[in-house]
C-alpha atoms as a PDB file:
ATOM      1  CA  MET A   1     168.758 102.405 132.365  1.00  0.00           C
ATOM      2  CA  SER A   2     167.520 105.624 130.686  1.00  0.00           C
ATOM      3  CA  ASN A   3     166.306 105.547 126.927  1.00  0.00           C
ATOM      4  CA  ARG A   4     166.623 109.065 126.639  1.00  0.00           C
ATOM      5  CA  HIS A   5     169.490 108.471 123.965  1.00  0.00           C
ATOM      6  CA  LEU A   6     167.516 105.902 121.853  1.00  0.00           C
ATOM      7  CA  PRO A   7     164.359 106.892 119.167  1.00  0.00           C
ATOM      8  CA  LEU A   8     160.923 106.609 120.348  1.00  0.00           C
ATOM      9  CA  ILE A   9     159.365 103.083 119.394  1.00  0.00           C
ATOM     10  CA  LEU A  10     156.286 104.251 118.601  1.00  0.00           C
ATOM     11  CA  ARG A  11     155.008 107.577 117.769  1.00  0.00           C
ATOM     12  CA  LEU A  12     151.066 108.112 116.503  1.00  0.00           C
ATOM     13  CA  GLU A  13     150.074 111.395 115.229  1.00  0.00           C
ATOM     14  CA  GLN A  14     146.360 111.967 115.066  1.00  0.00           C
ATOM     15  CA  VAL A  15     145.209 108.536 113.748  1.00  0.00           C
ATOM     16  CA  GLY A  16     142.105 107.626 112.600  1.00  0.00           C
ATOM     17  CA  LEU A  17     140.542 104.533 111.601  1.00  0.00           C
ATOM     18  CA  LYS A  18     137.064 103.909 110.250  1.00  0.00           C
ATOM     19  CA  ALA A  19     134.799 101.577 110.183  1.00  0.00           C
ATOM     20  CA  SER A  20     134.664  99.025 107.395  1.00  0.00           C
ATOM     21  CA  ILE A  21     131.115  99.607 106.723  1.00  0.00           C
ATOM     22  CA  GLY A  22     129.959 102.872 107.048  1.00  0.00           C
ATOM     23  CA  SER A  23     131.749 106.310 107.545  1.00  0.00           C
ATOM     24  CA  ASP A  24     131.767 106.554 111.060  1.00  0.00           C
ATOM     25  CA  PHE A  25     135.181 106.607 112.792  1.00  0.00           C
ATOM     26  CA  LEU A  26     136.385 103.468 115.657  1.00  0.00           C
ATOM     27  CA  LEU A  27     139.561 105.716 116.373  1.00  0.00           C
ATOM     28  CA  LYS A  28     139.299 109.410 115.764  1.00  0.00           C
ATOM     29  CA  ASP A  29     142.328 111.936 116.244  1.00  0.00           C
ATOM     30  CA  ILE A  30     144.629 109.609 118.629  1.00  0.00           C
ATOM     31  CA  SER A  31     148.184 110.695 119.553  1.00  0.00           C
ATOM     32  CA  PHE A  32     150.784 109.493 121.568  1.00  0.00           C
ATOM     33  CA  THR A  33     154.550 108.471 121.901  1.00  0.00           C
ATOM     34  CA  ILE A  34     156.078 105.472 123.652  1.00  0.00           C
ATOM     35  CA  GLU A  35     159.683 105.319 124.522  1.00  0.00           C
ATOM     36  CA  PRO A  36     161.590 101.697 124.201  1.00  0.00           C
ATOM     37  CA  GLY A  37     160.977  99.836 127.022  1.00  0.00           C
ATOM     38  CA  HIS A  38     158.030 101.358 128.436  1.00  0.00           C
ATOM     39  CA  LYS A  39     155.209  98.907 129.421  1.00  0.00           C
ATOM     40  CA  VAL A  40     151.471 100.709 128.774  1.00  0.00           C
ATOM     41  CA  ALA A  41     147.619  99.704 128.928  1.00  0.00           C
ATOM     42  CA  ILE A  42     144.960 100.575 127.157  1.00  0.00           C
ATOM     43  CA  VAL A  43     141.645 100.398 128.900  1.00  0.00           C
ATOM     44  CA  GLY A  44     138.221 101.852 127.821  1.00  0.00           C
ATOM     45  CA  ALA A  45     134.678  99.885 127.666  1.00  0.00           C
ATOM     46  CA  SER A  46     133.538  97.594 125.162  1.00  0.00           C
ATOM     47  CA  GLY A  47     133.675  98.701 121.925  1.00  0.00           C
ATOM     48  CA  ALA A  48     136.227 101.826 122.864  1.00  0.00           C
ATOM     49  CA  GLY A  49     138.497 101.259 119.985  1.00  0.00           C
ATOM     50  CA  LYS A  50     141.214  98.839 122.291  1.00  0.00           C
ATOM     51  CA  THR A  51     141.422  96.499 120.246  1.00  0.00           C
ATOM     52  CA  SER A  52     141.202  98.211 116.813  1.00  0.00           C
ATOM     53  CA  LEU A  53     144.094 100.593 118.346  1.00  0.00           C
ATOM     54  CA  LEU A  54     146.484  97.482 118.327  1.00  0.00           C
ATOM     55  CA  ARG A  55     145.171  95.700 114.928  1.00  0.00           C
ATOM     56  CA  LEU A  56     146.396  99.563 113.878  1.00  0.00           C
ATOM     57  CA  LEU A  57     149.674  98.974 115.499  1.00  0.00           C
ATOM     58  CA  ASN A  58     150.545  95.649 113.564  1.00  0.00           C
ATOM     59  CA  ARG A  59     148.925  96.965 110.549  1.00  0.00           C
ATOM     60  CA  LEU A  60     145.853  94.537 110.001  1.00  0.00           C
ATOM     61  CA  VAL A  61     144.667  97.387 109.179  1.00  0.00           C
ATOM     62  CA  SER A  62     145.622 100.629 108.112  1.00  0.00           C
ATOM     63  CA  PRO A  63     144.806 104.499 109.602  1.00  0.00           C
ATOM     64  CA  ASN A  64     142.498 106.317 107.305  1.00  0.00           C
ATOM     65  CA  GLN A  65     144.123 109.229 108.343  1.00  0.00           C
ATOM     66  CA  GLY A  66     147.304 110.586 110.350  1.00  0.00           C
ATOM     67  CA  LYS A  67     150.307 108.847 110.500  1.00  0.00           C
ATOM     68  CA  ILE A  68     152.090 106.184 112.805  1.00  0.00           C
ATOM     69  CA  TYR A  69     156.088 105.911 113.109  1.00  0.00           C
ATOM     70  CA  ILE A  70     157.860 103.070 114.428  1.00  0.00           C
ATOM     71  CA  GLN A  71     161.559 103.693 115.715  1.00  0.00           C
ATOM     72  CA  ASP A  72     161.346 106.745 113.483  1.00  0.00           C
ATOM     73  CA  ARG A  73     160.203 105.487 110.434  1.00  0.00           C
ATOM     74  CA  PRO A  74     157.096 105.491 108.548  1.00  0.00           C
ATOM     75  CA  GLU A  75     155.305 102.508 109.079  1.00  0.00           C
ATOM     76  CA  GLN A  76     153.993 102.146 105.787  1.00  0.00           C
ATOM     77  CA  LYS A  77     158.064 102.318 105.015  1.00  0.00           C
ATOM     78  CA  LEU A  78     158.260  98.636 106.571  1.00  0.00           C
ATOM     79  CA  THR A  79     157.139  95.663 104.921  1.00  0.00           C
ATOM     80  CA  ALA A  80     154.710  93.729 105.954  1.00  0.00           C
ATOM     81  CA  ILE A  81     157.568  90.880 106.806  1.00  0.00           C
ATOM     82  CA  GLN A  82     159.430  93.779 108.644  1.00  0.00           C
ATOM     83  CA  LEU A  83     157.004  95.010 110.693  1.00  0.00           C
ATOM     84  CA  ARG A  84     155.125  91.649 112.171  1.00  0.00           C
ATOM     85  CA  ARG A  85     158.966  90.791 113.077  1.00  0.00           C
ATOM     86  CA  LEU A  86     159.517  94.050 115.076  1.00  0.00           C
ATOM     87  CA  VAL A  87     155.902  94.452 116.315  1.00  0.00           C
ATOM     88  CA  VAL A  88     153.750  91.116 117.521  1.00  0.00           C
ATOM     89  CA  LEU A  89     150.249  90.901 118.455  1.00  0.00           C
ATOM     90  CA  VAL A  90     148.746  88.280 120.448  1.00  0.00           C
ATOM     91  CA  THR A  91     145.301  88.577 119.779  1.00  0.00           C
ATOM     92  CA  GLN A  92     142.306  87.780 122.673  1.00  0.00           C
ATOM     93  CA  GLU A  93     141.525  84.260 121.074  1.00  0.00           C
ATOM     94  CA  PRO A  94     144.360  83.109 119.363  1.00  0.00           C
ATOM     95  CA  LYS A  95     143.786  80.507 116.542  1.00  0.00           C
ATOM     96  CA  LEU A  96     146.680  77.733 115.922  1.00  0.00           C
ATOM     97  CA  LEU A  97     145.840  77.362 112.206  1.00  0.00           C
ATOM     98  CA  GLY A  98     145.247  73.932 111.954  1.00  0.00           C
ATOM     99  CA  MET A  99     148.673  73.132 113.639  1.00  0.00           C
ATOM    100  CA  ASN A 100     149.787  71.588 116.667  1.00  0.00           C
ATOM    101  CA  THR A 101     151.522  73.392 119.751  1.00  0.00           C
ATOM    102  CA  LEU A 102     154.820  72.617 118.436  1.00  0.00           C
ATOM    103  CA  GLU A 103     154.145  73.287 114.706  1.00  0.00           C
ATOM    104  CA  ALA A 104     152.246  76.465 115.915  1.00  0.00           C
ATOM    105  CA  LEU A 105     155.417  77.268 117.560  1.00  0.00           C
ATOM    106  CA  SER A 106     157.819  76.399 115.119  1.00  0.00           C
ATOM    107  CA  TYR A 107     156.043  78.432 112.097  1.00  0.00           C
ATOM    108  CA  PRO A 108     157.197  81.537 112.759  1.00  0.00           C
ATOM    109  CA  LEU A 109     161.142  80.694 113.119  1.00  0.00           C
ATOM    110  CA  GLN A 110     160.960  78.829 110.402  1.00  0.00           C
ATOM    111  CA  LEU A 111     159.827  81.624 107.909  1.00  0.00           C
ATOM    112  CA  GLN A 112     162.542  83.171 109.337  1.00  0.00           C
ATOM    113  CA  LYS A 113     164.898  80.662 108.094  1.00  0.00           C
ATOM    114  CA  LEU A 114     166.102  79.626 112.215  1.00  0.00           C
ATOM    115  CA  SER A 115     168.260  76.308 112.109  1.00  0.00           C
ATOM    116  CA  GLU A 116     166.112  73.433 113.529  1.00  0.00           C
ATOM    117  CA  SER A 117     168.749  73.699 116.537  1.00  0.00           C
ATOM    118  CA  GLU A 118     167.843  77.051 117.495  1.00  0.00           C
ATOM    119  CA  ILE A 119     164.451  77.100 116.711  1.00  0.00           C
ATOM    120  CA  ARG A 120     164.154  73.823 119.338  1.00  0.00           C
ATOM    121  CA  GLN A 121     166.434  75.691 121.451  1.00  0.00           C
ATOM    122  CA  ARG A 122     163.468  78.855 121.920  1.00  0.00           C
ATOM    123  CA  ILE A 123     160.836  76.264 122.042  1.00  0.00           C
ATOM    124  CA  ASP A 124     162.133  74.708 124.740  1.00  0.00           C
ATOM    125  CA  THR A 125     163.406  77.833 126.688  1.00  0.00           C
ATOM    126  CA  TRP A 126     159.794  79.429 126.318  1.00  0.00           C
ATOM    127  CA  THR A 127     157.770  76.668 127.301  1.00  0.00           C
ATOM    128  CA  ASP A 128     159.936  76.180 130.373  1.00  0.00           C
ATOM    129  CA  ILE A 129     160.081  79.634 131.482  1.00  0.00           C
ATOM    130  CA  LEU A 130     156.364  80.337 130.771  1.00  0.00           C
ATOM    131  CA  ARG A 131     155.559  76.570 132.671  1.00  0.00           C
ATOM    132  CA  ILE A 132     154.217  75.092 129.185  1.00  0.00           C
ATOM    133  CA  PRO A 133     153.803  71.160 130.069  1.00  0.00           C
ATOM    134  CA  GLN A 134     155.594  69.417 127.034  1.00  0.00           C
ATOM    135  CA  GLU A 135     152.537  67.187 126.535  1.00  0.00           C
ATOM    136  CA  TRP A 136     150.658  69.984 125.060  1.00  0.00           C
ATOM    137  CA  LEU A 137     153.040  70.257 122.260  1.00  0.00           C
ATOM    138  CA  ASN A 138     151.250  67.628 120.122  1.00  0.00           C
ATOM    139  CA  ARG A 139     147.724  69.027 121.235  1.00  0.00           C
ATOM    140  CA  THR A 140     145.706  70.485 118.649  1.00  0.00           C
ATOM    141  CA  GLU A 141     143.626  73.411 119.100  1.00  0.00           C
ATOM    142  CA  LEU A 142     140.772  71.369 120.160  1.00  0.00           C
ATOM    143  CA  GLN A 143     142.285  69.710 122.757  1.00  0.00           C
ATOM    144  CA  LEU A 144     143.348  73.023 124.519  1.00  0.00           C
ATOM    145  CA  SER A 145     141.759  75.377 126.552  1.00  0.00           C
ATOM    146  CA  LEU A 146     141.178  79.432 125.876  1.00  0.00           C
ATOM    147  CA  GLY A 147     143.583  79.646 128.612  1.00  0.00           C
ATOM    148  CA  GLN A 148     146.456  77.112 127.073  1.00  0.00           C
ATOM    149  CA  ARG A 149     145.879  78.987 124.037  1.00  0.00           C
ATOM    150  CA  GLN A 150     146.588  82.053 125.223  1.00  0.00           C
ATOM    151  CA  LEU A 151     149.798  80.810 126.870  1.00  0.00           C
ATOM    152  CA  ILE A 152     150.726  79.003 124.103  1.00  0.00           C
ATOM    153  CA  ALA A 153     150.596  82.123 121.681  1.00  0.00           C
ATOM    154  CA  ILE A 154     152.589  84.431 124.079  1.00  0.00           C
ATOM    155  CA  ALA A 155     154.880  82.150 123.963  1.00  0.00           C
ATOM    156  CA  ARG A 156     154.740  81.846 119.900  1.00  0.00           C
ATOM    157  CA  ALA A 157     155.470  85.783 120.124  1.00  0.00           C
ATOM    158  CA  LEU A 158     158.101  85.308 122.618  1.00  0.00           C
ATOM    159  CA  VAL A 159     160.002  83.015 120.563  1.00  0.00           C
ATOM    160  CA  MET A 160     160.290  85.528 117.907  1.00  0.00           C
ATOM    161  CA  GLN A 161     162.463  88.002 120.220  1.00  0.00           C
ATOM    162  CA  PRO A 162     160.102  91.108 118.923  1.00  0.00           C
ATOM    163  CA  GLN A 163     160.514  94.906 119.952  1.00  0.00           C
ATOM    164  CA  ILE A 164     157.183  95.638 121.203  1.00  0.00           C
ATOM    165  CA  LEU A 165     154.843  92.943 122.026  1.00  0.00           C
ATOM    166  CA  LEU A 166     151.173  93.597 121.786  1.00  0.00           C
ATOM    167  CA  LEU A 167     148.769  91.790 123.926  1.00  0.00           C
ATOM    168  CA  ASP A 168     144.965  91.912 123.860  1.00  0.00           C
ATOM    169  CA  GLU A 169     143.196  90.039 127.235  1.00  0.00           C
ATOM    170  CA  PRO A 170     146.327  88.156 127.556  1.00  0.00           C
ATOM    171  CA  THR A 171     145.114  86.952 131.369  1.00  0.00           C
ATOM    172  CA  SER A 172     141.411  87.173 130.597  1.00  0.00           C
ATOM    173  CA  ALA A 173     141.550  83.195 130.536  1.00  0.00           C
ATOM    174  CA  LEU A 174     144.068  82.693 133.005  1.00  0.00           C
ATOM    175  CA  ASP A 175     143.702  81.521 136.474  1.00  0.00           C
ATOM    176  CA  VAL A 176     145.226  84.372 139.266  1.00  0.00           C
ATOM    177  CA  GLY A 177     148.412  82.256 139.801  1.00  0.00           C
ATOM    178  CA  ILE A 178     149.169  81.836 136.038  1.00  0.00           C
ATOM    179  CA  ALA A 179     148.486  85.194 135.235  1.00  0.00           C
ATOM    180  CA  ASN A 180     150.715  87.027 138.217  1.00  0.00           C
ATOM    181  CA  HIS A 181     153.472  84.511 136.660  1.00  0.00           C
ATOM    182  CA  LEU A 182     153.391  85.535 133.216  1.00  0.00           C
ATOM    183  CA  LEU A 183     153.215  89.470 134.206  1.00  0.00           C
ATOM    184  CA  THR A 184     156.491  88.681 136.515  1.00  0.00           C
ATOM    185  CA  VAL A 185     158.217  86.971 133.199  1.00  0.00           C
ATOM    186  CA  LEU A 186     157.333  89.642 131.074  1.00  0.00           C
ATOM    187  CA  ASP A 187     158.020  92.235 133.535  1.00  0.00           C
ATOM    188  CA  ASP A 188     161.646  90.695 133.862  1.00  0.00           C
ATOM    189  CA  LEU A 189     162.034  90.048 129.904  1.00  0.00           C
ATOM    190  CA  ASN A 190     161.387  94.139 130.218  1.00  0.00           C
ATOM    191  CA  GLN A 191     163.736  94.611 132.087  1.00  0.00           C
ATOM    192  CA  SER A 192     166.617  92.373 130.774  1.00  0.00           C
ATOM    193  CA  GLN A 193     166.032  93.002 126.758  1.00  0.00           C
ATOM    194  CA  ASN A 194     163.719  96.465 127.320  1.00  0.00           C
ATOM    195  CA  LEU A 195     161.074  95.146 125.759  1.00  0.00           C
ATOM    196  CA  THR A 196     158.143  96.981 125.124  1.00  0.00           C
ATOM    197  CA  ILE A 197     154.832  96.097 126.274  1.00  0.00           C
ATOM    198  CA  ILE A 198     151.400  97.782 125.308  1.00  0.00           C
ATOM    199  CA  MET A 199     148.548  95.383 126.968  1.00  0.00           C
ATOM    200  CA  VAL A 200     144.894  96.356 126.831  1.00  0.00           C
ATOM    201  CA  ASN A 201     143.296  94.546 129.671  1.00  0.00           C
ATOM    202  CA  HIS A 202     140.279  95.216 131.883  1.00  0.00           C
ATOM    203  CA  GLN A 203     141.758  93.926 135.269  1.00  0.00           C
ATOM    204  CA  LEU A 204     142.950  97.078 136.902  1.00  0.00           C
ATOM    205  CA  GLU A 205     144.330  95.486 139.707  1.00  0.00           C
ATOM    206  CA  LEU A 206     147.016  93.658 137.409  1.00  0.00           C
ATOM    207  CA  ILE A 207     148.079  96.755 135.431  1.00  0.00           C
ATOM    208  CA  GLN A 208     148.642  99.056 137.867  1.00  0.00           C
ATOM    209  CA  GLY A 209     151.538  97.137 139.450  1.00  0.00           C
ATOM    210  CA  PHE A 210     152.759  96.646 136.294  1.00  0.00           C
ATOM    211  CA  CYS A 211     152.457  99.118 133.629  1.00  0.00           C
ATOM    212  CA  ASP A 212     153.871 102.397 133.811  1.00  0.00           C
ATOM    213  CA  ARG A 213     151.110 104.647 131.753  1.00  0.00           C
ATOM    214  CA  ILE A 214     147.777 104.006 131.113  1.00  0.00           C
ATOM    215  CA  LEU A 215     145.892 105.272 127.845  1.00  0.00           C
ATOM    216  CA  TYR A 216     141.868 105.515 128.660  1.00  0.00           C
ATOM    217  CA  LEU A 217     140.044 105.212 125.225  1.00  0.00           C
ATOM    218  CA  ASN A 218     136.486 106.404 125.019  1.00  0.00           C
ATOM    219  CA  ALA A 219     134.264 106.297 121.908  1.00  0.00           C
ATOM    220  CA  GLY A 220     137.208 105.773 119.943  1.00  0.00           C
ATOM    221  CA  ARG A 221     139.197 108.799 121.662  1.00  0.00           C
ATOM    222  CA  LEU A 222     142.310 109.044 123.805  1.00  0.00           C
ATOM    223  CA  GLU A 223     140.682 110.853 126.753  1.00  0.00           C
ATOM    224  CA  GLU A 224     143.158 110.057 129.313  1.00  0.00           C
ATOM    225  CA  ASP A 225     147.498 109.665 129.309  1.00  0.00           C
ATOM    226  CA  ILE A 226     148.588 109.024 132.681  1.00  0.00           C
ATOM    227  CA  LEU A 227     151.554 107.430 135.078  1.00  0.00           C
ATOM    228  CA  ALA A 228     150.103 104.213 136.429  1.00  0.00           C
ATOM    229  CA  THR A 229     151.230 105.584 139.815  1.00  0.00           C
ATOM    230  CA  GLU A 230     149.293 108.566 139.457  1.00  0.00           C
ATOM    231  CA  ALA A 231     146.078 106.899 138.436  1.00  0.00           C
ATOM    232  CA  ASN A 232     142.880 105.917 140.654  1.00  0.00           C
ATOM    233  CA  CYS A 233     142.134 102.756 139.550  1.00  0.00           C
ATOM    234  CA  GLN A 234     138.907 102.584 141.589  1.00  0.00           C
ATOM    235  CA  LYS A 235     137.658 105.309 140.159  1.00  0.00           C
ATOM    236  CA  LEU A 236     138.723 104.301 136.655  1.00  0.00           C
ATOM    237  CA  GLN A 237     136.837 101.022 136.960  1.00  0.00           C
ATOM    238  CA  GLN A 238     133.495 102.157 138.327  1.00  0.00           C
ATOM    239  CA  LYS A 239     133.437 104.973 135.035  1.00  0.00           C
ATOM    240  CA  LEU A 240     133.954 101.729 133.782  1.00  0.00           C
ATOM    241  CA  LEU A 241     131.377  99.514 135.044  1.00  0.00           C
ATOM    242  CA  ARG A 242     129.239 103.309 134.665  1.00  0.00           C
ATOM    243  CA  LEU A 243     129.490 102.820 130.879  1.00  0.00           C
ATOM    244  CA  GLN A 244     129.344  99.286 130.628  1.00  0.00           C
ATOM    245  CA  LYS A 245     125.716  99.177 132.213  1.00  0.00           C
ATOM    246  CA  GLU A 246     124.711 102.443 129.871  1.00  0.00           C
ATOM    247  CA  GLN A 247     126.009 100.051 126.812  1.00  0.00           C
ATOM    248  CA  GLU A 248     123.425  96.838 128.114  1.00  0.00           C
ATOM    249  CA  GLN A 249     120.478  99.451 128.552  1.00  0.00           C
ATOM    250  CA  GLU A 250     121.381 100.673 125.283  1.00  0.00           C
ATOM    251  CA  TRP A 251     121.192  97.101 123.571  1.00  0.00           C
ATOM    252  CA  LEU A 252     117.959  96.362 125.296  1.00  0.00           C
END
């Protein structure tokens, strides 16, 4: 289905973000657009600004320069509640904030004042689709592995029915089978609901077959914006490994 008649779901114009301490920029002059229903990967070496970019899109931090538009509306015109119903972020190391799994899945829907039956229906749907066992529902954060918490955090995001899903290394703690199933679920949701997905992921072999585009960040700048089908992931992986080694040598 063509999205040309729809507004751009996301647009950044020369966005910059400074570090909380000092005058250095974590991100500098970032500009790109994303159409509804696109799947975009953000890649780069450690410290390139990938997580900072996701946090900007969810307004956990605000830009020091430039503009961000959501559905052609300036991001600052949306309240935090409005924005975070449209744009949901799953962090790399998600927390349950002292709740058990069921409470954590229910909480954002309770804030939306949904009925208990609707809340339970959504939770049942997504725990089933993501193959989350019922026995996890009473477990607390301390009783769950990082991979289990990642899967629960993704379920918590999906029950909210966002239009943009931001994922920070969502497969980093998952085994290959679960990671592939997750990407299949996300791809099906993208096709059926036109969900826009923006994912930070260092596993290039996974994202090349999943994403439409790859944004390559280096030292806070967007160096490449390429179609995934045209990307040389082996060359890109070698570049990332080289940069990582250079960083490690600087730290020694």
